[in-house]
C-alpha atoms as a PDB file:
ATOM      1  CA  MET A   1      11.569  61.699  72.264  1.00  0.00           C
ATOM      2  CA  PRO A   2      10.354  64.929  73.931  1.00  0.00           C
ATOM      3  CA  ALA A   3       7.428  66.864  72.482  1.00  0.00           C
ATOM      4  CA  LEU A   4       8.463  69.718  70.205  1.00  0.00           C
ATOM      5  CA  PHE A   5       5.910  72.186  71.567  1.00  0.00           C
ATOM      6  CA  ALA A   6       6.098  71.383  75.265  1.00  0.00           C
ATOM      7  CA  HIS A   7       7.949  74.573  76.232  1.00  0.00           C
ATOM      8  CA  LYS A   8       6.559  76.927  73.609  1.00  0.00           C
ATOM      9  CA  PRO A   9       5.049  80.032  75.248  1.00  0.00           C
ATOM     10  CA  ARG A  10       1.395  80.822  74.564  1.00  0.00           C
ATOM     11  CA  MET A  11       0.571  83.433  71.954  1.00  0.00           C
ATOM     12  CA  PRO A  12      -0.823  86.692  73.362  1.00  0.00           C
ATOM     13  CA  LYS A  13      -4.470  87.530  72.649  1.00  0.00           C
ATOM     14  CA  LYS A  14      -5.328  89.913  69.876  1.00  0.00           C
ATOM     15  CA  PRO A  15      -6.691  93.222  71.143  1.00  0.00           C
ATOM     16  CA  GLY A  16     -10.468  93.391  70.977  1.00  0.00           C
ATOM     17  CA  THR A  17     -11.074  89.653  71.186  1.00  0.00           C
ATOM     18  CA  ASN A  18     -13.919  88.331  73.302  1.00  0.00           C
ATOM     19  CA  PRO A  19     -12.869  84.919  74.642  1.00  0.00           C
ATOM     20  CA  LYS A  20     -15.641  82.635  75.919  1.00  0.00           C
ATOM     21  CA  GLY A  21     -18.306  85.345  75.714  1.00  0.00           C
ATOM     22  CA  GLU A  22     -17.088  87.281  78.751  1.00  0.00           C
ATOM     23  CA  PHE A  23     -18.803  90.429  77.496  1.00  0.00           C
ATOM     24  CA  ALA A  24     -21.887  91.369  75.527  1.00  0.00           C
ATOM     25  CA  PHE A  25     -21.647  94.454  73.326  1.00  0.00           C
ATOM     26  CA  PHE A  26     -24.299  97.153  73.075  1.00  0.00           C
ATOM     27  CA  ASN A  27     -24.913 100.229  70.946  1.00  0.00           C
ATOM     28  CA  VAL A  28     -26.191 103.173  72.987  1.00  0.00           C
ATOM     29  CA  VAL A  29     -28.153 106.096  71.506  1.00  0.00           C
ATOM     30  CA  TYR A  30     -28.474 109.214  73.647  1.00  0.00           C
ATOM     31  CA  GLU A  31     -31.319 111.761  73.661  1.00  0.00           C
ATOM     32  CA  ASP A  32     -29.118 114.317  71.876  1.00  0.00           C
ATOM     33  CA  GLY A  33     -28.819 111.886  68.929  1.00  0.00           C
ATOM     34  CA  SER A  34     -25.214 110.832  69.572  1.00  0.00           C
ATOM     35  CA  GLN A  35     -24.295 107.154  69.612  1.00  0.00           C
ATOM     36  CA  ARG A  36     -21.623 105.041  71.294  1.00  0.00           C
ATOM     37  CA  SER A  37     -20.979 101.646  69.767  1.00  0.00           C
ATOM     38  CA  ASN A  38     -19.725  98.399  71.253  1.00  0.00           C
ATOM     39  CA  ARG A  39     -20.135  99.269  74.920  1.00  0.00           C
ATOM     40  CA  ARG A  40     -19.010  96.227  76.903  1.00  0.00           C
ATOM     41  CA  VAL A  41     -21.242  94.710  79.577  1.00  0.00           C
ATOM     42  CA  PRO A  42     -20.190  91.623  81.576  1.00  0.00           C
ATOM     43  CA  ALA A  43     -22.128  88.622  80.257  1.00  0.00           C
ATOM     44  CA  GLU A  44     -22.867  87.313  83.764  1.00  0.00           C
ATOM     45  CA  LEU A  45     -25.172  90.317  84.348  1.00  0.00           C
ATOM     46  CA  LEU A  46     -27.349  89.234  81.441  1.00  0.00           C
ATOM     47  CA  SER A  47     -27.882  85.566  82.274  1.00  0.00           C
ATOM     48  CA  GLY A  48     -31.140  85.989  84.231  1.00  0.00           C
ATOM     49  CA  LEU A  49     -34.786  86.279  83.235  1.00  0.00           C
ATOM     50  CA  ASP A  50     -34.480  90.059  82.814  1.00  0.00           C
ATOM     51  CA  GLY A  51     -32.754  89.641  79.425  1.00  0.00           C
ATOM     52  CA  ASP A  52     -30.765  92.720  78.414  1.00  0.00           C
ATOM     53  CA  GLU A  53     -32.402  95.108  80.914  1.00  0.00           C
ATOM     54  CA  PRO A  54     -29.518  94.867  83.447  1.00  0.00           C
ATOM     55  CA  ALA A  55     -27.224  96.239  80.702  1.00  0.00           C
ATOM     56  CA  ARG A  56     -29.029  99.594  80.892  1.00  0.00           C
ATOM     57  CA  GLY A  57     -28.265  99.978  84.597  1.00  0.00           C
ATOM     58  CA  PHE A  58     -24.637  98.973  84.076  1.00  0.00           C
ATOM     59  CA  ILE A  59     -24.189 101.463  81.209  1.00  0.00           C
ATOM     60  CA  VAL A  60     -25.962 104.250  83.132  1.00  0.00           C
ATOM     61  CA  GLU A  61     -23.552 103.697  86.027  1.00  0.00           C
ATOM     62  CA  GLN A  62     -20.549 103.731  83.655  1.00  0.00           C
ATOM     63  CA  ASP A  63     -21.789 106.976  82.093  1.00  0.00           C
ATOM     64  CA  ARG A  64     -22.272 108.538  85.530  1.00  0.00           C
ATOM     65  CA  GLU A  65     -18.697 107.704  86.545  1.00  0.00           C
ATOM     66  CA  ILE A  66     -17.262 108.973  83.241  1.00  0.00           C
ATOM     67  CA  ALA A  67     -19.262 112.212  83.426  1.00  0.00           C
ATOM     68  CA  GLU A  68     -18.213 112.755  87.042  1.00  0.00           C
ATOM     69  CA  LYS A  69     -14.532 112.428  86.111  1.00  0.00           C
ATOM     70  CA  ALA A  70     -15.044 114.792  83.165  1.00  0.00           C
ATOM     71  CA  GLY A  71     -16.886 117.328  85.317  1.00  0.00           C
ATOM     72  CA  ARG A  72     -20.080 117.335  83.262  1.00  0.00           C
ATOM     73  CA  PRO A  73     -23.605 115.945  83.737  1.00  0.00           C
ATOM     74  CA  PRO A  74     -24.285 112.447  82.323  1.00  0.00           C
ATOM     75  CA  MET A  75     -26.250 112.230  79.077  1.00  0.00           C
ATOM     76  CA  LYS A  76     -29.684 110.627  79.107  1.00  0.00           C
ATOM     77  CA  ILE A  77     -29.976 107.332  77.237  1.00  0.00           C
ATOM     78  CA  LYS A  78     -32.667 107.063  74.575  1.00  0.00           C
ATOM     79  CA  SER A  79     -32.142 103.413  73.599  1.00  0.00           C
ATOM     80  CA  ILE A  80     -29.815 100.457  74.014  1.00  0.00           C
ATOM     81  CA  SER A  81     -29.541  97.582  71.553  1.00  0.00           C
ATOM     82  CA  ARG A  82     -27.329  94.514  71.594  1.00  0.00           C
ATOM     83  CA  VAL A  83     -24.768  94.432  68.792  1.00  0.00           C
ATOM     84  CA  GLY A  84     -25.786  91.828  66.224  1.00  0.00           C
ATOM     85  CA  ALA A  85     -29.330  91.383  67.587  1.00  0.00           C
ATOM     86  CA  LYS A  86     -32.205  91.343  65.110  1.00  0.00           C
ATOM     87  CA  LYS A  87     -34.495  94.373  65.262  1.00  0.00           C
ATOM     88  CA  LYS A  88     -38.117  93.708  66.188  1.00  0.00           C
END
C-alpha cells in the first residue's frame, strides 16, 4: 500500500520565520533618538570570538547603502543590542 503523504507538497514558510537561526536580530538606537527594531544580521558573522561586534559593521554598511539610495547622509548609531538579550 503506498504512503498517503508521499506526494503531498511542502507547506510554504510563514513570513517572518527564522529557520535554523539563519539570522540574529538587533535593535538599533541612533544618536537622534530614533530606533529601528529587528534588524537582521546573518548568524555566520557572529560565530567568532568578537561576539556581536561584527553586527555593528554589517548594520553600518546597510545604513550607508540605504542612505545612499535615499539621497541623504547615514545616521550615526548610538547603540546596538541583540533582541532578547539580557541587559547588563
